PDB file of N, CA and C in Angstrom:
ATOM      1  N   MET A   1       0.654  -1.115   0.027  1.00  0.00           N
ATOM      2  CA  MET A   1       0.199   0.148   0.034  1.00  0.00           C
ATOM      3  C   MET A   1       1.128   1.514   0.004  1.00  0.00           C
ATOM      4  N   THR A   2       0.854   2.049  -0.849  1.00  0.00           N
ATOM      5  CA  THR A   2       1.413   3.454  -0.960  1.00  0.00           C
ATOM      6  C   THR A   2       0.965   4.250  -0.123  1.00  0.00           C
ATOM      7  N   PHE A   3       1.775   4.990   0.424  1.00  0.00           N
ATOM      8  CA  PHE A   3       1.450   6.197   1.536  1.00  0.00           C
ATOM      9  C   PHE A   3       0.297   6.571   1.093  1.00  0.00           C
ATOM     10  N   GLY A   4       0.390   7.180  -0.066  1.00  0.00           N
ATOM     11  CA  GLY A   4      -1.065   8.163  -0.391  1.00  0.00           C
ATOM     12  C   GLY A   4      -2.459   7.108  -0.136  1.00  0.00           C
ATOM     13  N   ASN A   5      -2.420   5.895  -0.538  1.00  0.00           N
ATOM     14  CA  ASN A   5      -3.509   4.784  -0.131  1.00  0.00           C
ATOM     15  C   ASN A   5      -3.637   4.871   1.364  1.00  0.00           C
ATOM     16  N   ARG A   6      -2.623   4.534   2.512  1.00  0.00           N
ATOM     17  CA  ARG A   6      -2.985   4.581   3.815  1.00  0.00           C
ATOM     18  C   ARG A   6      -3.517   5.539   4.301  1.00  0.00           C
ATOM     19  N   LEU A   7      -2.726   6.869   4.021  1.00  0.00           N
ATOM     20  CA  LEU A   7      -3.052   8.611   4.459  1.00  0.00           C
ATOM     21  C   LEU A   7      -4.764   8.504   4.594  1.00  0.00           C
ATOM     22  N   ARG A   8      -5.044   8.342   2.743  1.00  0.00           N
ATOM     23  CA  ARG A   8      -6.376   8.082   2.281  1.00  0.00           C
ATOM     24  C   ARG A   8      -7.168   7.216   2.942  1.00  0.00           C
ATOM     25  N   THR A   9      -6.986   6.186   3.237  1.00  0.00           N
ATOM     26  CA  THR A   9      -7.649   4.948   4.037  1.00  0.00           C
ATOM     27  C   THR A   9      -7.897   5.540   5.500  1.00  0.00           C
ATOM     28  N   LEU A  10      -6.590   6.085   6.073  1.00  0.00           N
ATOM     29  CA  LEU A  10      -7.054   6.586   7.424  1.00  0.00           C
ATOM     30  C   LEU A  10      -7.831   7.406   7.610  1.00  0.00           C
ATOM     31  N   ARG A  11      -8.054   8.462   6.621  1.00  0.00           N
ATOM     32  CA  ARG A  11      -8.859   9.626   7.004  1.00  0.00           C
ATOM     33  C   ARG A  11     -10.020   9.337   6.757  1.00  0.00           C
ATOM     34  N   LEU A  12     -10.186   8.443   5.669  1.00  0.00           N
ATOM     35  CA  LEU A  12     -11.965   7.901   5.510  1.00  0.00           C
ATOM     36  C   LEU A  12     -12.379   7.451   6.979  1.00  0.00           C
ATOM     37  N   GLU A  13     -11.743   6.374   7.482  1.00  0.00           N
ATOM     38  CA  GLU A  13     -11.890   5.942   8.776  1.00  0.00           C
ATOM     39  C   GLU A  13     -12.207   6.405   9.630  1.00  0.00           C
ATOM     40  N   ALA A  14     -11.502   7.755   9.568  1.00  0.00           N
ATOM     41  CA  ALA A  14     -12.041   8.375  11.106  1.00  0.00           C
ATOM     42  C   ALA A  14     -13.022   9.527  10.928  1.00  0.00           C
ATOM     43  N   GLY A  15     -13.368   9.484   9.462  1.00  0.00           N
ATOM     44  CA  GLY A  15     -14.730  10.032   9.040  1.00  0.00           C
ATOM     45  C   GLY A  15     -14.169  11.651   8.885  1.00  0.00           C
ATOM     46  N   MET A  16     -13.176  11.817   8.238  1.00  0.00           N
ATOM     47  CA  MET A  16     -12.746  13.582   8.079  1.00  0.00           C
ATOM     48  C   MET A  16     -12.771  13.820   6.332  1.00  0.00           C
ATOM     49  N   SER A  17     -12.658  14.982   6.179  1.00  0.00           N
ATOM     50  CA  SER A  17     -13.118  15.631   5.030  1.00  0.00           C
ATOM     51  C   SER A  17     -11.170  16.008   4.761  1.00  0.00           C
ATOM     52  N   GLN A  18     -11.030  15.918   3.114  1.00  0.00           N
ATOM     53  CA  GLN A  18      -9.297  16.505   3.254  1.00  0.00           C
ATOM     54  C   GLN A  18      -9.554  17.723   3.488  1.00  0.00           C
ATOM     55  N   GLU A  19     -10.463  18.455   3.744  1.00  0.00           N
ATOM     56  CA  GLU A  19     -10.361  19.884   4.672  1.00  0.00           C
ATOM     57  C   GLU A  19     -10.020  19.857   6.124  1.00  0.00           C
ATOM     58  N   GLN A  20     -10.612  19.217   6.772  1.00  0.00           N
ATOM     59  CA  GLN A  20     -10.632  18.983   8.262  1.00  0.00           C
ATOM     60  C   GLN A  20      -8.862  18.435   8.187  1.00  0.00           C
ATOM     61  N   LEU A  21      -8.627  17.390   7.464  1.00  0.00           N
ATOM     62  CA  LEU A  21      -7.474  16.913   7.524  1.00  0.00           C
ATOM     63  C   LEU A  21      -6.490  17.670   7.424  1.00  0.00           C
ATOM     64  N   GLY A  22      -6.383  18.908   6.573  1.00  0.00           N
ATOM     65  CA  GLY A  22      -5.400  19.708   6.433  1.00  0.00           C
ATOM     66  C   GLY A  22      -5.226  20.858   7.224  1.00  0.00           C
ATOM     67  N   GLN A  23      -6.572  20.981   7.990  1.00  0.00           N
ATOM     68  CA  GLN A  23      -6.655  22.218   9.167  1.00  0.00           C
ATOM     69  C   GLN A  23      -5.604  21.264  10.233  1.00  0.00           C
ATOM     70  N   LYS A  24      -5.961  20.047  10.805  1.00  0.00           N
ATOM     71  CA  LYS A  24      -4.881  19.414  11.549  1.00  0.00           C
ATOM     72  C   LYS A  24      -3.283  19.515  11.356  1.00  0.00           C
ATOM     73  N   ILE A  25      -3.230  19.624   9.757  1.00  0.00           N
ATOM     74  CA  ILE A  25      -1.406  19.116   9.650  1.00  0.00           C
ATOM     75  C   ILE A  25      -1.015  20.459   8.894  1.00  0.00           C
ATOM     76  N   HIS A  26      -1.864  21.332   8.511  1.00  0.00           N
ATOM     77  CA  HIS A  26      -1.545  22.556   8.189  1.00  0.00           C
ATOM     78  C   HIS A  26      -0.679  22.675   7.036  1.00  0.00           C
ATOM     79  N   VAL A  27      -1.868  22.014   5.979  1.00  0.00           N
ATOM     80  CA  VAL A  27      -2.020  22.307   4.912  1.00  0.00           C
ATOM     81  C   VAL A  27      -3.057  22.560   4.017  1.00  0.00           C
ATOM     82  N   SER A  28      -3.354  22.568   2.872  1.00  0.00           N
ATOM     83  CA  SER A  28      -4.419  23.181   2.007  1.00  0.00           C
ATOM     84  C   SER A  28      -5.122  21.797   1.720  1.00  0.00           C
ATOM     85  N   ALA A  29      -6.644  21.506   1.274  1.00  0.00           N
ATOM     86  CA  ALA A  29      -7.191  20.752   1.284  1.00  0.00           C
ATOM     87  C   ALA A  29      -6.735  19.926  -0.264  1.00  0.00           C
ATOM     88  N   ARG A  30      -5.987  20.896  -0.772  1.00  0.00           N
ATOM     89  CA  ARG A  30      -5.499  20.666  -2.223  1.00  0.00           C
ATOM     90  C   ARG A  30      -4.055  19.712  -2.022  1.00  0.00           C
ATOM     91  N   VAL A  31      -3.423  19.984  -1.180  1.00  0.00           N
ATOM     92  CA  VAL A  31      -2.278  19.386  -0.394  1.00  0.00           C
ATOM     93  C   VAL A  31      -2.723  18.264   0.026  1.00  0.00           C
ATOM     94  N   VAL A  32      -3.821  17.893   0.815  1.00  0.00           N
ATOM     95  CA  VAL A  32      -4.004  16.582   1.240  1.00  0.00           C
ATOM     96  C   VAL A  32      -4.485  15.487   0.376  1.00  0.00           C
ATOM     97  N   GLY A  33      -4.739  16.238  -0.893  1.00  0.00           N
ATOM     98  CA  GLY A  33      -5.258  15.330  -2.273  1.00  0.00           C
ATOM     99  C   GLY A  33      -4.485  14.807  -2.949  1.00  0.00           C
ATOM    100  N   TYR A  34      -2.899  15.739  -3.202  1.00  0.00           N
ATOM    101  CA  TYR A  34      -2.046  15.198  -3.928  1.00  0.00           C
ATOM    102  C   TYR A  34      -0.872  14.535  -3.000  1.00  0.00           C
ATOM    103  N   TYR A  35      -0.857  14.554  -1.924  1.00  0.00           N
ATOM    104  CA  TYR A  35      -0.926  13.320  -0.696  1.00  0.00           C
ATOM    105  C   TYR A  35      -1.581  12.325  -1.052  1.00  0.00           C
ATOM    106  N   GLU A  36      -2.500  12.132  -0.818  1.00  0.00           N
ATOM    107  CA  GLU A  36      -3.631  10.738  -1.550  1.00  0.00           C
ATOM    108  C   GLU A  36      -3.212  10.127  -2.453  1.00  0.00           C
ATOM    109  N   THR A  37      -3.161  10.991  -3.628  1.00  0.00           N
ATOM    110  CA  THR A  37      -2.850  10.479  -5.175  1.00  0.00           C
ATOM    111  C   THR A  37      -1.148  10.294  -5.327  1.00  0.00           C
ATOM    112  N   ASP A  38      -0.586   9.992  -4.419  1.00  0.00           N
ATOM    113  CA  ASP A  38       1.141  10.101  -4.756  1.00  0.00           C
ATOM    114  C   ASP A  38       1.734  11.185  -5.272  1.00  0.00           C
ATOM    115  N   ASP A  39       0.963  12.478  -5.512  1.00  0.00           N
ATOM    116  CA  ASP A  39       2.009  13.197  -6.498  1.00  0.00           C
ATOM    117  C   ASP A  39       2.595  14.067  -5.857  1.00  0.00           C
ATOM    118  N   ARG A  40       2.435  13.887  -4.572  1.00  0.00           N
ATOM    119  CA  ARG A  40       3.451  14.862  -3.758  1.00  0.00           C
ATOM    120  C   ARG A  40       3.585  13.782  -2.299  1.00  0.00           C
ATOM    121  N   PHE A  41       4.901  13.839  -1.640  1.00  0.00           N
ATOM    122  CA  PHE A  41       4.957  13.854  -0.027  1.00  0.00           C
ATOM    123  C   PHE A  41       5.562  14.781   0.435  1.00  0.00           C
ATOM    124  N   PRO A  42       4.841  14.588   1.905  1.00  0.00           N
ATOM    125  CA  PRO A  42       5.148  15.822   2.651  1.00  0.00           C
ATOM    126  C   PRO A  42       6.550  16.088   2.449  1.00  0.00           C
ATOM    127  N   LYS A  43       6.682  17.797   2.532  1.00  0.00           N
ATOM    128  CA  LYS A  43       8.149  18.643   2.652  1.00  0.00           C
ATOM    129  C   LYS A  43       8.806  18.093   3.356  1.00  0.00           C
ATOM    130  N   ASN A  44       8.020  17.771   4.905  1.00  0.00           N
ATOM    131  CA  ASN A  44       9.061  18.294   6.009  1.00  0.00           C
ATOM    132  C   ASN A  44       8.529  16.720   7.328  1.00  0.00           C
ATOM    133  N   GLN A  45       9.334  16.709   8.442  1.00  0.00           N
ATOM    134  CA  GLN A  45       9.010  15.785   8.921  1.00  0.00           C
ATOM    135  C   GLN A  45       7.811  16.033  10.115  1.00  0.00           C
ATOM    136  N   GLN A  46       8.122  17.190  10.515  1.00  0.00           N
ATOM    137  CA  GLN A  46       6.443  17.766  11.186  1.00  0.00           C
ATOM    138  C   GLN A  46       5.382  17.102  10.512  1.00  0.00           C
ATOM    139  N   ILE A  47       5.243  17.348   9.109  1.00  0.00           N
ATOM    140  CA  ILE A  47       4.228  16.732   8.518  1.00  0.00           C
ATOM    141  C   ILE A  47       3.433  15.283   8.994  1.00  0.00           C
ATOM    142  N   LEU A  48       4.696  14.610   8.688  1.00  0.00           N
ATOM    143  CA  LEU A  48       4.753  13.520   8.623  1.00  0.00           C
ATOM    144  C   LEU A  48       4.218  13.325  10.776  1.00  0.00           C
ATOM    145  N   ILE A  49       5.130  13.919  11.237  1.00  0.00           N
ATOM    146  CA  ILE A  49       4.422  13.650  12.699  1.00  0.00           C
ATOM    147  C   ILE A  49       3.065  13.770  13.061  1.00  0.00           C
ATOM    148  N   ASP A  50       2.479  15.357  12.475  1.00  0.00           N
ATOM    149  CA  ASP A  50       0.993  15.398  12.691  1.00  0.00           C
ATOM    150  C   ASP A  50      -0.003  14.634  12.251  1.00  0.00           C
ATOM    151  N   ILE A  51       0.758  14.020  10.758  1.00  0.00           N
ATOM    152  CA  ILE A  51      -0.238  12.641  10.703  1.00  0.00           C
ATOM    153  C   ILE A  51      -0.538  11.605  11.396  1.00  0.00           C
ATOM    154  N   ALA A  52       0.883  11.243  11.801  1.00  0.00           N
ATOM    155  CA  ALA A  52       0.541  10.079  12.442  1.00  0.00           C
ATOM    156  C   ALA A  52      -0.532  10.220  14.049  1.00  0.00           C
ATOM    157  N   LYS A  53       0.133  11.049  14.145  1.00  0.00           N
ATOM    158  CA  LYS A  53      -0.298  11.725  15.666  1.00  0.00           C
ATOM    159  C   LYS A  53      -1.756  12.261  15.693  1.00  0.00           C
ATOM    160  N   THR A  54      -2.696  12.598  14.668  1.00  0.00           N
ATOM    161  CA  THR A  54      -4.238  12.555  13.801  1.00  0.00           C
ATOM    162  C   THR A  54      -4.776  11.328  14.242  1.00  0.00           C
ATOM    163  N   PHE A  55      -3.723  10.155  13.711  1.00  0.00           N
ATOM    164  CA  PHE A  55      -4.793   9.304  13.749  1.00  0.00           C
ATOM    165  C   PHE A  55      -4.376   7.839  14.335  1.00  0.00           C
ATOM    166  N   ARG A  56      -3.364   8.755  15.286  1.00  0.00           N
ATOM    167  CA  ARG A  56      -2.386   7.729  16.448  1.00  0.00           C
ATOM    168  C   ARG A  56      -2.082   6.210  15.933  1.00  0.00           C
ATOM    169  N   VAL A  57      -1.206   6.643  14.950  1.00  0.00           N
ATOM    170  CA  VAL A  57      -0.324   5.269  14.047  1.00  0.00           C
ATOM    171  C   VAL A  57       0.724   5.657  14.551  1.00  0.00           C
ATOM    172  N   SER A  58       1.910   4.489  14.323  1.00  0.00           N
ATOM    173  CA  SER A  58       3.614   5.410  14.495  1.00  0.00           C
ATOM    174  C   SER A  58       3.409   5.578  12.661  1.00  0.00           C
ATOM    175  N   LEU A  59       4.897   6.321  12.936  1.00  0.00           N
ATOM    176  CA  LEU A  59       5.300   6.712  11.587  1.00  0.00           C
ATOM    177  C   LEU A  59       6.121   5.404  11.048  1.00  0.00           C
ATOM    178  N   ASP A  60       6.687   4.214  11.807  1.00  0.00           N
ATOM    179  CA  ASP A  60       6.479   2.932  10.635  1.00  0.00           C
ATOM    180  C   ASP A  60       5.196   2.468   9.490  1.00  0.00           C
ATOM    181  N   TYR A  61       4.633   2.481  10.837  1.00  0.00           N
ATOM    182  CA  TYR A  61       2.821   2.217   9.969  1.00  0.00           C
ATOM    183  C   TYR A  61       2.663   3.172   8.596  1.00  0.00           C
ATOM    184  N   LEU A  62       2.455   4.483   8.887  1.00  0.00           N
ATOM    185  CA  LEU A  62       2.199   5.274   8.063  1.00  0.00           C
ATOM    186  C   LEU A  62       2.813   5.264   7.004  1.00  0.00           C
ATOM    187  N   LEU A  63       4.255   4.804   7.102  1.00  0.00           N
ATOM    188  CA  LEU A  63       5.283   5.121   5.700  1.00  0.00           C
ATOM    189  C   LEU A  63       5.565   3.569   5.354  1.00  0.00           C
ATOM    190  N   ASP A  64       4.916   2.351   5.866  1.00  0.00           N
ATOM    191  CA  ASP A  64       4.675   0.841   5.820  1.00  0.00           C
ATOM    192  C   ASP A  64       6.248   0.416   5.341  1.00  0.00           C
ATOM    193  N   ASN A  65       6.742   0.771   6.806  1.00  0.00           N
ATOM    194  CA  ASN A  65       8.319  -0.079   6.893  1.00  0.00           C
ATOM    195  C   ASN A  65       8.099  -1.404   7.370  1.00  0.00           C
ATOM    196  N   PRO A  66       8.494  -2.106   6.701  1.00  0.00           N
ATOM    197  CA  PRO A  66       8.480  -3.845   6.752  1.00  0.00           C
ATOM    198  C   PRO A  66       9.212  -4.354   7.756  1.00  0.00           C
ATOM    199  N   VAL A  67      10.148  -3.601   8.102  1.00  0.00           N
ATOM    200  CA  VAL A  67      10.934  -4.435   9.159  1.00  0.00           C
ATOM    201  C   VAL A  67      10.468  -4.228  10.466  1.00  0.00           C
ATOM    202  N   ARG A  68       9.826  -3.357  10.815  1.00  0.00           N
ATOM    203  CA  ARG A  68       8.820  -2.733  12.050  1.00  0.00           C
ATOM    204  C   ARG A  68       7.215  -2.540  11.789  1.00  0.00           C
ATOM    205  N   GLN A  69       6.863  -3.233  10.927  1.00  0.00           N
ATOM    206  CA  GLN A  69       5.558  -3.301  11.106  1.00  0.00           C
ATOM    207  C   GLN A  69       4.353  -4.233  11.885  1.00  0.00           C
ATOM    208  N   GLU A  70       5.272  -5.278  11.811  1.00  0.00           N
ATOM    209  CA  GLU A  70       4.588  -6.515  13.311  1.00  0.00           C
ATOM    210  C   GLU A  70       4.695  -5.475  14.435  1.00  0.00           C
ATOM    211  N   SER A  71       5.488  -5.000  14.726  1.00  0.00           N
ATOM    212  CA  SER A  71       5.924  -4.555  16.215  1.00  0.00           C
ATOM    213  C   SER A  71       4.778  -3.178  16.392  1.00  0.00           C
ATOM    214  N   SER A  72       4.416  -2.315  15.286  1.00  0.00           N
ATOM    215  CA  SER A  72       4.088  -1.583  15.688  1.00  0.00           C
ATOM    216  C   SER A  72       2.775  -1.151  14.798  1.00  0.00           C
ATOM    217  N   CYS A  73       2.379  -2.255  14.770  1.00  0.00           N
ATOM    218  CA  CYS A  73       1.023  -2.225  13.975  1.00  0.00           C
ATOM    219  C   CYS A  73      -0.129  -1.502  15.152  1.00  0.00           C
ATOM    220  N   PRO A  74      -0.706  -0.491  15.033  1.00  0.00           N
ATOM    221  CA  PRO A  74      -1.671  -0.339  15.753  1.00  0.00           C
ATOM    222  C   PRO A  74      -3.014  -1.376  15.724  1.00  0.00           C
ATOM    223  N   SER A  75      -3.227  -1.550  16.660  1.00  0.00           N
ATOM    224  CA  SER A  75      -3.861  -2.867  17.280  1.00  0.00           C
ATOM    225  C   SER A  75      -5.453  -2.550  16.610  1.00  0.00           C
ATOM    226  N   ARG A  76      -5.823  -1.342  16.342  1.00  0.00           N
ATOM    227  CA  ARG A  76      -7.273  -1.564  15.378  1.00  0.00           C
ATOM    228  C   ARG A  76      -7.168  -2.247  13.941  1.00  0.00           C
ATOM    229  N   PHE A  77      -5.558  -2.395  13.448  1.00  0.00           N
ATOM    230  CA  PHE A  77      -5.618  -2.819  12.132  1.00  0.00           C
ATOM    231  C   PHE A  77      -5.123  -3.998  12.292  1.00  0.00           C
ATOM    232  N   CYS A  78      -4.203  -4.144  13.546  1.00  0.00           N
ATOM    233  CA  CYS A  78      -3.720  -5.829  13.552  1.00  0.00           C
ATOM    234  C   CYS A  78      -4.733  -7.090  13.467  1.00  0.00           C
ATOM    235  N   TYR A  79      -5.810  -7.026  14.161  1.00  0.00           N
ATOM    236  CA  TYR A  79      -6.603  -8.081  13.715  1.00  0.00           C
ATOM    237  C   TYR A  79      -7.448  -7.975  12.487  1.00  0.00           C
ATOM    238  N   MET A  80      -7.253  -7.280  11.775  1.00  0.00           N
ATOM    239  CA  MET A  80      -8.188  -6.924  10.355  1.00  0.00           C
ATOM    240  C   MET A  80      -6.897  -7.582   9.027  1.00  0.00           C
ATOM    241  N   LYS A  81      -5.501  -8.016   9.481  1.00  0.00           N
ATOM    242  CA  LYS A  81      -4.776  -8.744   8.725  1.00  0.00           C
ATOM    243  C   LYS A  81      -5.129 -10.031   8.187  1.00  0.00           C
ATOM    244  N   SER A  82      -5.759 -10.500   9.391  1.00  0.00           N
ATOM    245  CA  SER A  82      -5.179 -11.866   9.045  1.00  0.00           C
ATOM    246  C   SER A  82      -6.688 -12.582   8.637  1.00  0.00           C
ATOM    247  N   MET A  83      -7.756 -11.418   8.352  1.00  0.00           N
ATOM    248  CA  MET A  83      -8.605 -11.201   7.649  1.00  0.00           C
ATOM    249  C   MET A  83      -9.477 -11.767   6.295  1.00  0.00           C
ATOM    250  N   ASP A  84     -10.183 -12.279   5.871  1.00  0.00           N
ATOM    251  CA  ASP A  84     -10.131 -12.217   4.092  1.00  0.00           C
ATOM    252  C   ASP A  84     -11.205 -11.283   3.925  1.00  0.00           C
ATOM    253  N   ARG A  85     -10.459 -11.445   2.566  1.00  0.00           N
ATOM    254  CA  ARG A  85     -11.512  -9.538   1.837  1.00  0.00           C
ATOM    255  C   ARG A  85     -12.923  -9.312   2.424  1.00  0.00           C
ATOM    256  N   GLU A  86     -13.478 -10.443   2.343  1.00  0.00           N
ATOM    257  CA  GLU A  86     -14.655 -10.423   2.743  1.00  0.00           C
ATOM    258  C   GLU A  86     -15.117  -9.827   4.092  1.00  0.00           C
ATOM    259  N   HIS A  87     -14.696 -10.083   5.132  1.00  0.00           N
ATOM    260  CA  HIS A  87     -14.856 -10.251   6.357  1.00  0.00           C
ATOM    261  C   HIS A  87     -14.185  -8.919   6.706  1.00  0.00           C
ATOM    262  N   ARG A  88     -13.146  -8.648   6.102  1.00  0.00           N
ATOM    263  CA  ARG A  88     -12.681  -6.938   6.663  1.00  0.00           C
ATOM    264  C   ARG A  88     -13.922  -6.396   5.797  1.00  0.00           C
ATOM    265  N   ALA A  89     -14.725  -6.207   4.654  1.00  0.00           N
ATOM    266  CA  ALA A  89     -15.310  -5.614   4.099  1.00  0.00           C
ATOM    267  C   ALA A  89     -16.508  -4.831   5.153  1.00  0.00           C
ATOM    268  N   LEU A  90     -17.088  -6.331   5.474  1.00  0.00           N
ATOM    269  CA  LEU A  90     -18.268  -6.498   6.575  1.00  0.00           C
ATOM    270  C   LEU A  90     -17.581  -5.508   7.756  1.00  0.00           C
ATOM    271  N   VAL A  91     -16.315  -5.170   8.291  1.00  0.00           N
ATOM    272  CA  VAL A  91     -16.039  -5.143   9.662  1.00  0.00           C
ATOM    273  C   VAL A  91     -16.158  -3.141   9.144  1.00  0.00           C
ATOM    274  N   ASN A  92     -15.567  -2.818   8.203  1.00  0.00           N
ATOM    275  CA  ASN A  92     -15.477  -1.590   7.523  1.00  0.00           C
ATOM    276  C   ASN A  92     -17.077  -1.245   7.380  1.00  0.00           C
ATOM    277  N   GLU A  93     -17.824  -1.837   6.498  1.00  0.00           N
ATOM    278  CA  GLU A  93     -19.443  -1.548   6.512  1.00  0.00           C
ATOM    279  C   GLU A  93     -20.237  -1.151   8.102  1.00  0.00           C
ATOM    280  N   TYR A  94     -19.826  -1.972   9.289  1.00  0.00           N
ATOM    281  CA  TYR A  94     -20.296  -1.859   9.979  1.00  0.00           C
ATOM    282  C   TYR A  94     -19.334  -0.464  10.847  1.00  0.00           C
ATOM    283  N   ILE A  95     -18.440  -0.282  10.717  1.00  0.00           N
ATOM    284  CA  ILE A  95     -17.925   1.138  11.430  1.00  0.00           C
ATOM    285  C   ILE A  95     -18.659   2.316  10.443  1.00  0.00           C
ATOM    286  N   LEU A  96     -18.797   2.021   9.397  1.00  0.00           N
ATOM    287  CA  LEU A  96     -19.475   3.190   8.785  1.00  0.00           C
ATOM    288  C   LEU A  96     -21.079   3.705   9.337  1.00  0.00           C
ATOM    289  N   PHE A  97     -21.168   2.232   9.626  1.00  0.00           N
ATOM    290  CA  PHE A  97     -22.683   2.385   9.978  1.00  0.00           C
ATOM    291  C   PHE A  97     -22.580   2.869  11.321  1.00  0.00           C
ATOM    292  N   LEU A  98     -21.756   2.459  12.245  1.00  0.00           N
ATOM    293  CA  LEU A  98     -21.618   3.183  13.460  1.00  0.00           C
ATOM    294  C   LEU A  98     -21.366   4.669  13.503  1.00  0.00           C
ATOM    295  N   ARG A  99     -20.675   5.341  12.760  1.00  0.00           N
ATOM    296  CA  ARG A  99     -20.370   6.647  12.533  1.00  0.00           C
ATOM    297  C   ARG A  99     -21.416   7.360  12.045  1.00  0.00           C
ATOM    298  N   TRP A 100     -21.982   7.214  10.753  1.00  0.00           N
ATOM    299  CA  TRP A 100     -23.554   7.036  10.501  1.00  0.00           C
ATOM    300  C   TRP A 100     -24.349   7.546  12.074  1.00  0.00           C
ATOM    301  N   LYS A 101     -24.405   6.612  12.789  1.00  0.00           N
ATOM    302  CA  LYS A 101     -25.404   6.667  13.923  1.00  0.00           C
ATOM    303  C   LYS A 101     -24.880   7.434  14.952  1.00  0.00           C
ATOM    304  N   GLN A 102     -23.627   7.393  14.781  1.00  0.00           N
ATOM    305  CA  GLN A 102     -23.032   8.575  16.355  1.00  0.00           C
ATOM    306  C   GLN A 102     -23.133   9.740  15.621  1.00  0.00           C
ATOM    307  N   ARG A 103     -23.272  10.173  14.356  1.00  0.00           N
ATOM    308  CA  ARG A 103     -23.163  11.761  13.448  1.00  0.00           C
ATOM    309  C   ARG A 103     -25.063  11.940  13.838  1.00  0.00           C
ATOM    310  N   ARG A 104     -25.926  10.881  13.797  1.00  0.00           N
ATOM    311  CA  ARG A 104     -27.438  11.138  13.769  1.00  0.00           C
ATOM    312  C   ARG A 104     -27.655  11.654  15.430  1.00  0.00           C
ATOM    313  N   ASP A 105     -27.307  10.641  15.932  1.00  0.00           N
ATOM    314  CA  ASP A 105     -27.239  11.165  17.492  1.00  0.00           C
ATOM    315  C   ASP A 105     -26.938  12.420  17.853  1.00  0.00           C
ATOM    316  N   GLN A 106     -25.825  12.717  17.374  1.00  0.00           N
ATOM    317  CA  GLN A 106     -25.533  14.084  17.512  1.00  0.00           C
ATOM    318  C   GLN A 106     -26.334  15.297  17.178  1.00  0.00           C
ATOM    319  N   LEU A 107     -26.616  14.745  16.106  1.00  0.00           N
ATOM    320  CA  LEU A 107     -27.660  16.047  15.452  1.00  0.00           C
ATOM    321  C   LEU A 107     -28.801  15.945  15.935  1.00  0.00           C
ATOM    322  N   ARG A 108     -29.434  14.893  16.577  1.00  0.00           N
ATOM    323  CA  ARG A 108     -30.762  14.591  17.501  1.00  0.00           C
ATOM    324  C   ARG A 108     -30.535  15.514  18.987  1.00  0.00           C
ATOM    325  N   SER A 109     -29.430  15.489  19.479  1.00  0.00           N
ATOM    326  CA  SER A 109     -28.841  15.652  20.626  1.00  0.00           C
ATOM    327  C   SER A 109     -28.441  17.453  20.439  1.00  0.00           C
ATOM    328  N   ASP A 110     -28.278  17.824  19.870  1.00  0.00           N
ATOM    329  CA  ASP A 110     -28.176  19.221  19.170  1.00  0.00           C
ATOM    330  C   ASP A 110     -29.735  19.947  19.230  1.00  0.00           C
ATOM    331  N   GLU A 111     -30.559  19.089  18.351  1.00  0.00           N
ATOM    332  CA  GLU A 111     -31.945  19.879  18.015  1.00  0.00           C
ATOM    333  C   GLU A 111     -32.531  19.594  19.176  1.00  0.00           C
ATOM    334  N   THR A 112     -32.379  18.646  20.536  1.00  0.00           N
ATOM    335  CA  THR A 112     -32.923  18.867  21.460  1.00  0.00           C
ATOM    336  C   THR A 112     -32.685  20.074  21.996  1.00  0.00           C
ATOM    337  N   GLU A 113     -31.587  20.030  22.483  1.00  0.00           N
ATOM    338  CA  GLU A 113     -30.799  21.106  22.931  1.00  0.00           C
ATOM    339  C   GLU A 113     -31.506  22.728  22.301  1.00  0.00           C
ATOM    340  N   GLY A 114     -31.516  22.814  21.033  1.00  0.00           N
ATOM    341  CA  GLY A 114     -32.060  23.739  20.704  1.00  0.00           C
ATOM    342  C   GLY A 114     -33.270  24.297  21.119  1.00  0.00           C
ATOM    343  N   GLU A 115     -33.856  23.329  20.951  1.00  0.00           N
ATOM    344  CA  GLU A 115     -35.449  23.035  21.552  1.00  0.00           C
ATOM    345  C   GLU A 115     -35.373  23.345  22.694  1.00  0.00           C
ATOM    346  N   ALA A 116     -34.842  23.094  23.583  1.00  0.00           N
ATOM    347  CA  ALA A 116     -34.776  23.611  24.953  1.00  0.00           C
ATOM    348  C   ALA A 116     -34.530  24.855  25.564  1.00  0.00           C
ATOM    349  N   LYS A 117     -33.660  25.574  24.535  1.00  0.00           N
ATOM    350  CA  LYS A 117     -32.989  26.751  24.793  1.00  0.00           C
ATOM    351  C   LYS A 117     -33.734  27.879  24.431  1.00  0.00           C
ATOM    352  N   ASP A 118     -35.062  27.267  23.484  1.00  0.00           N
ATOM    353  CA  ASP A 118     -35.886  28.111  22.561  1.00  0.00           C
ATOM    354  C   ASP A 118     -37.232  28.348  23.602  1.00  0.00           C
ATOM    355  N   LYS A 119     -37.605  27.541  24.848  1.00  0.00           N
ATOM    356  CA  LYS A 119     -38.517  27.349  25.430  1.00  0.00           C
ATOM    357  C   LYS A 119     -38.193  28.364  26.557  1.00  0.00           C
TER     358      LYS A 119
END
């Protein structure tokens, strides 16, 4: 997996837009897009560190360092490595469902608070 593919996967799993990630790592959404398509690579080490911190992964994982991959694999990904493609897809669909549900519940909560303030 390329750096760009890994970055895109992490961003989508986190439910972030390119713009949101860009704000966290101090680059534009366009630059995030360049990173994700492997048209560019972060110019300095701090951007890589910010990306790793944002997604709570190691630099070895982010850069797909094969020497240290096993010892630095984030726990949420290690168990999926042994799954076949079909089961990984099911897990990813469930994660997307849970994110949708969380956003829906948050919107409902915000609406309830708004109605309470109006009274």
